[in-house]
Amino acid sequence: MAIIPVPKPNRSAYNPNRPLRSNALVAAQVQHFAEADKNLPAEFQTGVEAATIQTEGEAATYIRKVTEAIHRIPKVRGAG
């Protein structure tokens, strides 16, 4: 299999203090994760209101929390 080199992102690609309104892609990801969050079993939901997320850093923290919650859900036998 061929190895495809992936360049490192520019240092300005992530700025935890940048307003979320300046990054439509991350803002859309927050909305997708908010939908996933509200569909988790109650005991795994983060309790974070996505509308309160204002910066890329807050978005990153929220996305990590939802991802971790998804991974904590016990797998159902026979589900893959």
N, C-alpha and C. Protein backbone atom coordinates (compact mmCIF):
# COMPACT_ATOMS: atom_id res chain seq x y z
N MET A 1 0.84 -1.17 0.00
CA MET A 1 0.00 0.00 0.00
C MET A 1 0.90 1.24 0.00
N ALA A 2 0.55 2.20 -0.82
CA ALA A 2 1.34 3.43 -0.92
C ALA A 2 1.14 4.29 0.32
N ILE A 3 2.22 4.90 0.77
CA ILE A 3 2.14 5.83 1.88
C ILE A 3 1.94 7.22 1.32
N ILE A 4 0.91 7.87 1.80
CA ILE A 4 0.60 9.21 1.33
C ILE A 4 1.04 10.21 2.40
N PRO A 5 1.99 11.07 2.08
CA PRO A 5 2.44 12.04 3.07
C PRO A 5 1.37 13.10 3.32
N VAL A 6 1.18 13.42 4.58
CA VAL A 6 0.20 14.45 4.95
C VAL A 6 0.97 15.57 5.63
N PRO A 7 0.94 16.76 5.06
CA PRO A 7 1.69 17.86 5.66
C PRO A 7 1.09 18.28 7.01
N LYS A 8 1.95 18.78 7.89
CA LYS A 8 1.47 19.28 9.17
C LYS A 8 0.63 20.52 8.91
N PRO A 9 -0.45 20.69 9.69
CA PRO A 9 -1.27 21.90 9.50
C PRO A 9 -0.49 23.15 9.93
N ASN A 10 -0.86 24.23 9.36
CA ASN A 10 -0.29 25.52 9.71
C ASN A 10 -0.60 25.80 11.19
N ARG A 11 0.33 26.45 11.89
CA ARG A 11 0.15 26.74 13.32
C ARG A 11 -1.12 27.55 13.58
N SER A 12 -1.55 28.34 12.61
CA SER A 12 -2.75 29.17 12.80
C SER A 12 -4.03 28.38 12.55
N ALA A 13 -3.92 27.11 12.18
CA ALA A 13 -5.10 26.31 11.87
C ALA A 13 -5.98 26.13 13.10
N TYR A 14 -5.38 26.08 14.29
CA TYR A 14 -6.16 25.92 15.52
C TYR A 14 -5.80 27.04 16.47
N ASN A 15 -6.81 27.79 16.86
CA ASN A 15 -6.64 28.86 17.83
C ASN A 15 -7.76 28.70 18.84
N PRO A 16 -7.45 28.21 20.06
CA PRO A 16 -8.50 27.94 21.03
C PRO A 16 -9.30 29.18 21.43
N ASN A 17 -8.75 30.35 21.18
CA ASN A 17 -9.47 31.58 21.54
C ASN A 17 -10.25 32.20 20.39
N ARG A 18 -10.12 31.61 19.20
CA ARG A 18 -10.83 32.15 18.03
C ARG A 18 -12.33 31.94 18.22
N PRO A 19 -13.12 32.97 17.96
CA PRO A 19 -14.58 32.81 18.08
C PRO A 19 -15.10 31.72 17.14
N LEU A 20 -16.01 30.94 17.64
CA LEU A 20 -16.57 29.84 16.85
C LEU A 20 -17.27 30.37 15.60
N ARG A 21 -17.84 31.53 15.69
CA ARG A 21 -18.54 32.11 14.53
C ARG A 21 -17.61 32.35 13.34
N SER A 22 -16.29 32.33 13.61
CA SER A 22 -15.30 32.52 12.54
C SER A 22 -14.92 31.22 11.85
N ASN A 23 -15.46 30.10 12.32
CA ASN A 23 -15.08 28.81 11.76
C ASN A 23 -16.34 27.97 11.52
N ALA A 24 -16.89 28.09 10.34
CA ALA A 24 -18.15 27.42 10.02
C ALA A 24 -18.04 25.90 10.12
N LEU A 25 -16.88 25.34 9.76
CA LEU A 25 -16.73 23.89 9.82
C LEU A 25 -16.82 23.38 11.26
N VAL A 26 -16.09 24.01 12.17
CA VAL A 26 -16.13 23.58 13.57
C VAL A 26 -17.51 23.85 14.17
N ALA A 27 -18.13 24.96 13.80
CA ALA A 27 -19.48 25.26 14.29
C ALA A 27 -20.46 24.17 13.85
N ALA A 28 -20.32 23.70 12.61
CA ALA A 28 -21.18 22.63 12.11
C ALA A 28 -20.90 21.33 12.86
N GLN A 29 -19.64 21.07 13.17
CA GLN A 29 -19.30 19.87 13.93
C GLN A 29 -19.93 19.92 15.32
N VAL A 30 -19.92 21.08 15.94
CA VAL A 30 -20.54 21.23 17.26
C VAL A 30 -22.02 20.87 17.17
N GLN A 31 -22.68 21.33 16.13
CA GLN A 31 -24.10 21.02 15.98
C GLN A 31 -24.34 19.52 15.78
N HIS A 32 -23.48 18.87 15.02
CA HIS A 32 -23.60 17.42 14.81
C HIS A 32 -23.36 16.67 16.13
N PHE A 33 -22.36 17.11 16.88
CA PHE A 33 -22.09 16.46 18.16
C PHE A 33 -23.20 16.74 19.17
N ALA A 34 -23.82 17.90 19.09
CA ALA A 34 -24.95 18.21 19.97
C ALA A 34 -26.11 17.27 19.70
N GLU A 35 -26.33 16.97 18.44
CA GLU A 35 -27.39 16.02 18.07
C GLU A 35 -27.06 14.64 18.61
N ALA A 36 -25.80 14.23 18.45
CA ALA A 36 -25.38 12.93 18.99
C ALA A 36 -25.52 12.92 20.51
N ASP A 37 -25.12 14.00 21.16
CA ASP A 37 -25.16 14.11 22.61
C ASP A 37 -26.59 13.93 23.13
N LYS A 38 -27.53 14.60 22.51
CA LYS A 38 -28.92 14.52 23.01
C LYS A 38 -29.55 13.16 22.74
N ASN A 39 -28.96 12.37 21.84
CA ASN A 39 -29.47 11.03 21.56
C ASN A 39 -28.77 9.94 22.36
N LEU A 40 -27.81 10.31 23.18
CA LEU A 40 -27.15 9.35 24.05
C LEU A 40 -28.08 8.99 25.20
N PRO A 41 -27.90 7.81 25.79
CA PRO A 41 -28.65 7.50 27.01
C PRO A 41 -28.38 8.61 28.04
N ALA A 42 -29.37 8.96 28.82
CA ALA A 42 -29.29 10.10 29.74
C ALA A 42 -28.03 10.08 30.60
N GLU A 43 -27.65 8.91 31.07
CA GLU A 43 -26.49 8.85 31.97
C GLU A 43 -25.16 9.13 31.27
N PHE A 44 -25.16 9.18 29.94
CA PHE A 44 -23.94 9.45 29.19
C PHE A 44 -23.92 10.85 28.58
N GLN A 45 -25.04 11.56 28.63
CA GLN A 45 -25.10 12.90 28.06
C GLN A 45 -24.20 13.86 28.83
N THR A 46 -23.63 14.82 28.13
CA THR A 46 -22.67 15.74 28.76
C THR A 46 -23.32 16.82 29.61
N GLY A 47 -24.55 17.18 29.30
CA GLY A 47 -25.19 18.27 30.02
C GLY A 47 -24.76 19.65 29.52
N VAL A 48 -23.95 19.68 28.48
CA VAL A 48 -23.48 20.94 27.91
C VAL A 48 -24.50 21.43 26.90
N GLU A 49 -24.87 22.70 26.99
CA GLU A 49 -25.76 23.31 26.02
C GLU A 49 -24.89 23.85 24.88
N ALA A 50 -25.01 23.26 23.71
CA ALA A 50 -24.15 23.61 22.58
C ALA A 50 -24.21 25.09 22.23
N ALA A 51 -25.33 25.73 22.46
CA ALA A 51 -25.47 27.15 22.13
C ALA A 51 -24.56 28.03 22.97
N THR A 52 -24.04 27.51 24.08
CA THR A 52 -23.16 28.30 24.94
C THR A 52 -21.70 28.26 24.50
N ILE A 53 -21.38 27.41 23.54
CA ILE A 53 -19.99 27.25 23.08
C ILE A 53 -19.64 28.44 22.20
N GLN A 54 -18.59 29.15 22.59
CA GLN A 54 -18.23 30.40 21.92
C GLN A 54 -16.88 30.38 21.20
N THR A 55 -15.98 29.47 21.57
CA THR A 55 -14.64 29.48 20.99
C THR A 55 -14.27 28.10 20.44
N GLU A 56 -13.22 28.07 19.63
CA GLU A 56 -12.74 26.79 19.10
C GLU A 56 -12.26 25.88 20.24
N GLY A 57 -11.67 26.46 21.27
CA GLY A 57 -11.22 25.67 22.41
C GLY A 57 -12.38 25.02 23.14
N GLU A 58 -13.45 25.78 23.36
CA GLU A 58 -14.65 25.21 23.99
C GLU A 58 -15.25 24.13 23.11
N ALA A 59 -15.22 24.35 21.80
CA ALA A 59 -15.75 23.35 20.86
C ALA A 59 -14.93 22.07 20.95
N ALA A 60 -13.60 22.19 21.00
CA ALA A 60 -12.74 21.02 21.08
C ALA A 60 -13.01 20.23 22.36
N THR A 61 -13.19 20.94 23.47
CA THR A 61 -13.48 20.29 24.74
C THR A 61 -14.81 19.55 24.68
N TYR A 62 -15.82 20.19 24.11
CA TYR A 62 -17.14 19.58 23.99
C TYR A 62 -17.10 18.34 23.09
N ILE A 63 -16.46 18.47 21.94
CA ILE A 63 -16.37 17.34 21.01
C ILE A 63 -15.66 16.16 21.69
N ARG A 64 -14.60 16.45 22.45
CA ARG A 64 -13.90 15.39 23.18
C ARG A 64 -14.83 14.74 24.21
N LYS A 65 -15.61 15.53 24.94
CA LYS A 65 -16.51 14.98 25.96
C LYS A 65 -17.57 14.06 25.32
N VAL A 66 -18.14 14.49 24.22
CA VAL A 66 -19.15 13.67 23.56
C VAL A 66 -18.53 12.39 23.02
N THR A 67 -17.36 12.51 22.41
CA THR A 67 -16.66 11.34 21.88
C THR A 67 -16.36 10.34 22.99
N GLU A 68 -15.86 10.84 24.12
CA GLU A 68 -15.57 9.96 25.26
C GLU A 68 -16.85 9.30 25.77
N ALA A 69 -17.94 10.04 25.82
CA ALA A 69 -19.21 9.48 26.27
C ALA A 69 -19.67 8.36 25.35
N ILE A 70 -19.53 8.57 24.07
CA ILE A 70 -19.92 7.53 23.09
C ILE A 70 -19.11 6.27 23.33
N HIS A 71 -17.83 6.42 23.59
CA HIS A 71 -16.96 5.26 23.81
C HIS A 71 -17.24 4.55 25.13
N ARG A 72 -17.84 5.23 26.09
CA ARG A 72 -18.16 4.61 27.39
C ARG A 72 -19.43 3.78 27.34
N ILE A 73 -20.26 3.95 26.34
CA ILE A 73 -21.51 3.21 26.24
C ILE A 73 -21.18 1.73 26.02
N PRO A 74 -21.72 0.87 26.85
CA PRO A 74 -21.44 -0.57 26.68
C PRO A 74 -21.91 -1.06 25.32
N LYS A 75 -21.11 -1.90 24.72
CA LYS A 75 -21.48 -2.47 23.42
C LYS A 75 -22.53 -3.56 23.65
N VAL A 76 -23.46 -3.64 22.72
CA VAL A 76 -24.51 -4.65 22.78
C VAL A 76 -24.02 -5.88 22.05
N ARG A 77 -24.17 -7.04 22.66
CA ARG A 77 -23.74 -8.28 22.01
C ARG A 77 -24.48 -8.47 20.68
N GLY A 78 -23.72 -8.91 19.69
CA GLY A 78 -24.33 -9.17 18.39
C GLY A 78 -24.47 -7.92 17.54
N ALA A 79 -24.00 -6.76 18.06
CA ALA A 79 -24.15 -5.51 17.31
C ALA A 79 -22.90 -5.19 16.50
N GLY A 80 -22.05 -6.14 16.30
CA GLY A 80 -20.92 -5.88 15.44
C GLY A 80 -19.68 -6.08 16.15
